[in-house]
C-alpha atoms as a PDB file:
ATOM      1  CA  MET A   1      80.452  91.125 128.281  1.00  0.00           C
ATOM      2  CA  PRO A   2      78.933  90.510 124.843  1.00  0.00           C
ATOM      3  CA  GLU A   3      78.040  86.972 123.827  1.00  0.00           C
ATOM      4  CA  PHE A   4      79.700  86.063 120.541  1.00  0.00           C
ATOM      5  CA  VAL A   5      78.124  83.399 118.336  1.00  0.00           C
ATOM      6  CA  ARG A   6      79.451  81.723 115.209  1.00  0.00           C
ATOM      7  CA  ALA A   7      78.216  83.422 112.047  1.00  0.00           C
ATOM      8  CA  CYS A   8      80.220  81.563 109.383  1.00  0.00           C
ATOM      9  CA  ARG A   9      83.705  80.461 108.374  1.00  0.00           C
ATOM     10  CA  ILE A  10      86.094  83.159 107.230  1.00  0.00           C
ATOM     11  CA  ASP A  11      86.532  81.301 103.919  1.00  0.00           C
ATOM     12  CA  ASP A  12      82.774  81.674 103.279  1.00  0.00           C
ATOM     13  CA  VAL A  13      83.272  85.394 102.546  1.00  0.00           C
ATOM     14  CA  GLU A  14      85.692  86.500  99.853  1.00  0.00           C
ATOM     15  CA  ASP A  15      87.593  89.759 100.250  1.00  0.00           C
ATOM     16  CA  GLY A  16      85.465  92.514  98.738  1.00  0.00           C
ATOM     17  CA  GLY A  17      82.313  90.458  99.259  1.00  0.00           C
ATOM     18  CA  ALA A  18      79.407  90.003 101.633  1.00  0.00           C
ATOM     19  CA  LEU A  19      77.424  87.050 102.933  1.00  0.00           C
ATOM     20  CA  ARG A  20      73.942  87.147 104.469  1.00  0.00           C
ATOM     21  CA  VAL A  21      73.614  85.112 107.659  1.00  0.00           C
ATOM     22  CA  MET A  22      70.825  84.824 110.173  1.00  0.00           C
ATOM     23  CA  ILE A  23      71.665  84.859 113.857  1.00  0.00           C
ATOM     24  CA  GLY A  24      68.422  83.996 115.527  1.00  0.00           C
ATOM     25  CA  THR A  25      65.943  86.236 113.734  1.00  0.00           C
ATOM     26  CA  THR A  26      68.492  88.942 112.932  1.00  0.00           C
ATOM     27  CA  PRO A  27      69.724  89.246 109.331  1.00  0.00           C
ATOM     28  CA  ILE A  28      73.388  90.211 109.245  1.00  0.00           C
ATOM     29  CA  ALA A  29      75.749  90.966 106.375  1.00  0.00           C
ATOM     30  CA  ILE A  30      79.229  89.623 107.065  1.00  0.00           C
ATOM     31  CA  VAL A  31      81.575  91.743 104.951  1.00  0.00           C
ATOM     32  CA  ARG A  32      85.268  91.440 104.144  1.00  0.00           C
ATOM     33  CA  SER A  33      86.982  94.534 102.852  1.00  0.00           C
ATOM     34  CA  ALA A  34      90.712  95.185 102.628  1.00  0.00           C
ATOM     35  CA  GLY A  35      91.415  92.265 104.944  1.00  0.00           C
ATOM     36  CA  GLU A  36      89.010  93.423 107.672  1.00  0.00           C
ATOM     37  CA  VAL A  37      85.770  91.701 108.670  1.00  0.00           C
ATOM     38  CA  TYR A  38      82.597  93.621 109.535  1.00  0.00           C
ATOM     39  CA  ALA A  39      79.056  92.747 110.596  1.00  0.00           C
ATOM     40  CA  ILE A  40      76.231  95.118 109.668  1.00  0.00           C
ATOM     41  CA  HIS A  41      72.458  94.741 109.797  1.00  0.00           C
ATOM     42  CA  ASP A  42      71.465  93.277 106.437  1.00  0.00           C
ATOM     43  CA  VAL A  43      68.492  95.539 105.805  1.00  0.00           C
ATOM     44  CA  CYS A  44      68.767  98.968 104.200  1.00  0.00           C
ATOM     45  CA  SER A  45      67.159 101.607 106.408  1.00  0.00           C
ATOM     46  CA  HIS A  46      65.714 103.330 103.344  1.00  0.00           C
ATOM     47  CA  ALA A  47      64.366 100.566 101.123  1.00  0.00           C
ATOM     48  CA  ASN A  48      64.136  97.438 103.315  1.00  0.00           C
ATOM     49  CA  VAL A  49      66.284  95.293 100.974  1.00  0.00           C
ATOM     50  CA  ALA A  50      69.375  93.161 101.680  1.00  0.00           C
ATOM     51  CA  LEU A  51      72.593  95.162 101.846  1.00  0.00           C
ATOM     52  CA  SER A  52      74.598  91.957 101.348  1.00  0.00           C
ATOM     53  CA  GLU A  53      73.583  92.042  97.667  1.00  0.00           C
ATOM     54  CA  GLY A  54      75.291  95.416  97.155  1.00  0.00           C
ATOM     55  CA  GLU A  55      78.788  96.455  96.161  1.00  0.00           C
ATOM     56  CA  ILE A  56      81.610  96.792  98.701  1.00  0.00           C
ATOM     57  CA  GLU A  57      84.013  99.691  98.327  1.00  0.00           C
ATOM     58  CA  ASP A  58      86.630 100.663 100.897  1.00  0.00           C
ATOM     59  CA  GLN A  59      84.755 100.615 104.230  1.00  0.00           C
ATOM     60  CA  THR A  60      81.267 101.002 102.733  1.00  0.00           C
ATOM     61  CA  ILE A  61      78.484  98.816 101.409  1.00  0.00           C
ATOM     62  CA  GLU A  62      76.051 100.077  98.777  1.00  0.00           C
ATOM     63  CA  CYS A  63      72.347  99.312  98.679  1.00  0.00           C
ATOM     64  CA  TRP A  64      71.739  97.796  95.263  1.00  0.00           C
ATOM     65  CA  LEU A  65      68.261  99.327  94.899  1.00  0.00           C
ATOM     66  CA  HIS A  66      68.777 103.081  95.265  1.00  0.00           C
ATOM     67  CA  GLY A  67      72.540 103.447  95.739  1.00  0.00           C
ATOM     68  CA  SER A  68      72.720 104.519  99.388  1.00  0.00           C
ATOM     69  CA  ARG A  69      76.064 103.684 100.976  1.00  0.00           C
ATOM     70  CA  PHE A  70      76.636 102.753 104.605  1.00  0.00           C
ATOM     71  CA  ASP A  71      79.866 102.959 106.594  1.00  0.00           C
ATOM     72  CA  LEU A  72      80.807  99.436 107.725  1.00  0.00           C
ATOM     73  CA  VAL A  73      82.322 100.716 110.985  1.00  0.00           C
ATOM     74  CA  THR A  74      79.559 103.057 112.152  1.00  0.00           C
ATOM     75  CA  GLY A  75      76.488 102.044 110.116  1.00  0.00           C
ATOM     76  CA  ARG A  76      75.944 105.689 109.160  1.00  0.00           C
ATOM     77  CA  PRO A  77      74.715 106.413 105.636  1.00  0.00           C
ATOM     78  CA  THR A  78      77.343 108.150 103.519  1.00  0.00           C
ATOM     79  CA  GLY A  79      75.028 108.959 100.624  1.00  0.00           C
ATOM     80  CA  LEU A  80      71.370 109.633  99.957  1.00  0.00           C
ATOM     81  CA  PRO A  81      68.602 108.602  99.826  1.00  0.00           C
ATOM     82  CA  ALA A  82      69.190 106.809 103.175  1.00  0.00           C
ATOM     83  CA  THR A  83      69.383 109.115 106.194  1.00  0.00           C
ATOM     84  CA  VAL A  84      69.007 106.602 109.055  1.00  0.00           C
ATOM     85  CA  PRO A  85      71.969 104.477 110.215  1.00  0.00           C
ATOM     86  CA  VAL A  86      71.812 100.695 110.426  1.00  0.00           C
ATOM     87  CA  PRO A  87      73.187  98.725 113.388  1.00  0.00           C
ATOM     88  CA  VAL A  88      76.699  97.310 113.288  1.00  0.00           C
ATOM     89  CA  TYR A  89      77.879  94.434 115.466  1.00  0.00           C
ATOM     90  CA  PRO A  90      81.164  93.519 117.172  1.00  0.00           C
ATOM     91  CA  VAL A  91      83.155  90.852 115.320  1.00  0.00           C
ATOM     92  CA  LYS A  92      86.006  88.611 116.338  1.00  0.00           C
ATOM     93  CA  ILE A  93      87.868  85.843 114.560  1.00  0.00           C
ATOM     94  CA  ASP A  94      88.339  82.511 116.340  1.00  0.00           C
ATOM     95  CA  GLY A  95      90.530  80.242 114.233  1.00  0.00           C
ATOM     96  CA  ASP A  96      88.631  79.865 110.943  1.00  0.00           C
ATOM     97  CA  ASP A  97      85.325  81.148 112.327  1.00  0.00           C
ATOM     98  CA  ILE A  98      83.770  84.612 112.308  1.00  0.00           C
ATOM     99  CA  LEU A  99      81.927  85.333 115.550  1.00  0.00           C
ATOM    100  CA  VAL A 100      79.397  88.135 115.986  1.00  0.00           C
ATOM    101  CA  ALA A 101      77.834  89.619 119.110  1.00  0.00           C
ATOM    102  CA  VAL A 102      74.298  90.455 118.000  1.00  0.00           C
ATOM    103  CA  SER A 103      73.218  91.428 121.513  1.00  0.00           C
ATOM    104  CA  SER A 104      75.816  94.229 121.430  1.00  0.00           C
ATOM    105  CA  LYS A 105      74.702  96.082 118.329  1.00  0.00           C
ATOM    106  CA  THR A 106      75.702  99.687 117.929  1.00  0.00           C
ATOM    107  CA  SER A 107      73.062 101.966 116.526  1.00  0.00           C
ATOM    108  CA  LEU A 108      73.919 105.600 115.971  1.00  0.00           C
ATOM    109  CA  GLU A 109      70.349 106.587 115.150  1.00  0.00           C
ATOM    110  CA  ASN A 110      70.058 108.699 118.295  1.00  0.00           C
ATOM    111  CA  SER A 111      73.626 110.016 118.225  1.00  0.00           C
END
């Protein structure tokens, strides 16, 4: 069973926005899009910059540096130049808090 830890309050992230949080030493982008909440590794697999600074569109987040987009559900890149997925993490809402299970990341790199 994954261990969920508090990442932030749901009100800390506006719909269509992202917030960088650190859980231990892991940088995570908490993203709200169309009423859903996602947690994705906050480092672009192509350029090593924060994804949380990029634009959110539908179920994707764009790297602000070179324009790669990543699917918020799977972590897979949906546009070049990135070709390597980034981990995504299980999320649950507990009252006003967003909880993330960092120990249960999903990486599709070898899929």
